[in-house]
Amino acid sequence: MEGSDALQHIDKYGETPLFDCPRCDEESAKANVPLHIWHCTACDASGWISGFGAPNKGLPATRINDV
């Protein structure tokens, strides 16, 4: 499965099924959409999922409290 195809099958945790790693071509990469990153367990490569044609939504905003 290609990374862009995997992004069409996001589970309830915001993760994709395993797909072909763009670096080593093993089907052992997985993306985490809320974090906007992917990681391959075979070659330990990682990167941004925007490389698969997904829009970069960035990380959710967090509130900063002054102490």
C-alpha atoms as a PDB file:
ATOM      1  CA  MET A   1       0.000   0.000   0.000  1.00  0.00           C
ATOM      2  CA  GLU A   2       1.205   3.507  -0.813  1.00  0.00           C
ATOM      3  CA  GLY A   3       1.381   6.146   1.918  1.00  0.00           C
ATOM      4  CA  SER A   4      -1.240   8.310   0.212  1.00  0.00           C
ATOM      5  CA  ASP A   5      -3.619   5.321   0.030  1.00  0.00           C
ATOM      6  CA  ALA A   6      -2.998   4.489   3.688  1.00  0.00           C
ATOM      7  CA  LEU A   7      -4.150   7.985   4.667  1.00  0.00           C
ATOM      8  CA  GLN A   8      -7.616   7.088   3.362  1.00  0.00           C
ATOM      9  CA  HIS A   9      -7.939   4.341   6.020  1.00  0.00           C
ATOM     10  CA  ILE A  10      -7.284   6.141   9.306  1.00  0.00           C
ATOM     11  CA  ASP A  11      -8.459   4.275  12.416  1.00  0.00           C
ATOM     12  CA  LYS A  12     -10.113   5.742  15.516  1.00  0.00           C
ATOM     13  CA  TYR A  13      -6.670   6.535  16.981  1.00  0.00           C
ATOM     14  CA  GLY A  14      -5.657   8.634  13.963  1.00  0.00           C
ATOM     15  CA  GLU A  15      -3.226   5.985  12.674  1.00  0.00           C
ATOM     16  CA  THR A  16      -2.955   4.398   9.243  1.00  0.00           C
ATOM     17  CA  PRO A  17      -2.441   0.753   8.351  1.00  0.00           C
ATOM     18  CA  LEU A  18       1.096  -0.331   7.462  1.00  0.00           C
ATOM     19  CA  PHE A  19       2.339   0.931   4.100  1.00  0.00           C
ATOM     20  CA  ASP A  20       5.480   0.768   1.953  1.00  0.00           C
ATOM     21  CA  CYS A  21       8.294   2.817   3.457  1.00  0.00           C
ATOM     22  CA  PRO A  22       9.545   5.444   0.975  1.00  0.00           C
ATOM     23  CA  ARG A  23      13.119   4.712   2.100  1.00  0.00           C
ATOM     24  CA  CYS A  24      13.441   0.900   2.321  1.00  0.00           C
ATOM     25  CA  ASP A  25      10.279  -0.230   0.432  1.00  0.00           C
ATOM     26  CA  GLU A  26       9.283  -2.605   3.252  1.00  0.00           C
ATOM     27  CA  GLU A  27       5.615  -2.572   4.254  1.00  0.00           C
ATOM     28  CA  SER A  28       6.448  -1.515   7.798  1.00  0.00           C
ATOM     29  CA  ALA A  29       5.735   2.219   7.909  1.00  0.00           C
ATOM     30  CA  LYS A  30       2.798   3.707   9.797  1.00  0.00           C
ATOM     31  CA  ALA A  31       1.562   7.287  10.030  1.00  0.00           C
ATOM     32  CA  ASN A  32       0.085   9.099  13.005  1.00  0.00           C
ATOM     33  CA  VAL A  33      -2.159  11.796  11.573  1.00  0.00           C
ATOM     34  CA  PRO A  34      -2.688  13.888  14.751  1.00  0.00           C
ATOM     35  CA  LEU A  35       1.108  14.154  15.111  1.00  0.00           C
ATOM     36  CA  HIS A  36       1.536  14.524  11.313  1.00  0.00           C
ATOM     37  CA  ILE A  37       4.450  12.039  11.236  1.00  0.00           C
ATOM     38  CA  TRP A  38       5.224   8.576   9.897  1.00  0.00           C
ATOM     39  CA  HIS A  39       7.755   6.020  11.114  1.00  0.00           C
ATOM     40  CA  CYS A  40       9.179   2.792   9.666  1.00  0.00           C
ATOM     41  CA  THR A  41      10.019  -0.005  12.094  1.00  0.00           C
ATOM     42  CA  ALA A  42      12.206  -1.817   9.529  1.00  0.00           C
ATOM     43  CA  CYS A  43      14.763   0.927   8.818  1.00  0.00           C
ATOM     44  CA  ASP A  44      13.902   3.433  11.596  1.00  0.00           C
ATOM     45  CA  ALA A  45      13.193   6.207   9.063  1.00  0.00           C
ATOM     46  CA  SER A  46      10.581   8.845   9.829  1.00  0.00           C
ATOM     47  CA  GLY A  47       9.210  12.040   8.349  1.00  0.00           C
ATOM     48  CA  TRP A  48       6.233  14.325   7.851  1.00  0.00           C
ATOM     49  CA  ILE A  49       3.104  12.842   6.269  1.00  0.00           C
ATOM     50  CA  SER A  50       2.699  15.937   4.093  1.00  0.00           C
ATOM     51  CA  GLY A  51       5.113  14.161   1.737  1.00  0.00           C
ATOM     52  CA  PHE A  52       2.257  11.772   0.908  1.00  0.00           C
ATOM     53  CA  GLY A  53      -0.005  14.539  -0.343  1.00  0.00           C
ATOM     54  CA  ALA A  54      -1.781  15.128   2.960  1.00  0.00           C
ATOM     55  CA  PRO A  55      -2.473  18.710   4.010  1.00  0.00           C
ATOM     56  CA  ASN A  56      -0.274  19.917   6.844  1.00  0.00           C
ATOM     57  CA  LYS A  57      -2.723  20.582   9.645  1.00  0.00           C
ATOM     58  CA  GLY A  58       0.097  21.002  12.123  1.00  0.00           C
ATOM     59  CA  LEU A  59      -0.135  20.208  15.771  1.00  0.00           C
ATOM     60  CA  PRO A  60      -3.185  21.311  17.722  1.00  0.00           C
ATOM     61  CA  ALA A  61      -2.822  24.606  19.525  1.00  0.00           C
ATOM     62  CA  THR A  62      -2.187  24.441  23.235  1.00  0.00           C
ATOM     63  CA  ARG A  63      -3.093  27.031  25.810  1.00  0.00           C
ATOM     64  CA  ILE A  64      -0.245  28.610  27.755  1.00  0.00           C
ATOM     65  CA  ASN A  65      -0.915  29.689  31.288  1.00  0.00           C
ATOM     66  CA  ASP A  66       1.140  32.434  32.861  1.00  0.00           C
ATOM     67  CA  VAL A  67       2.251  31.539  36.359  1.00  0.00           C
END
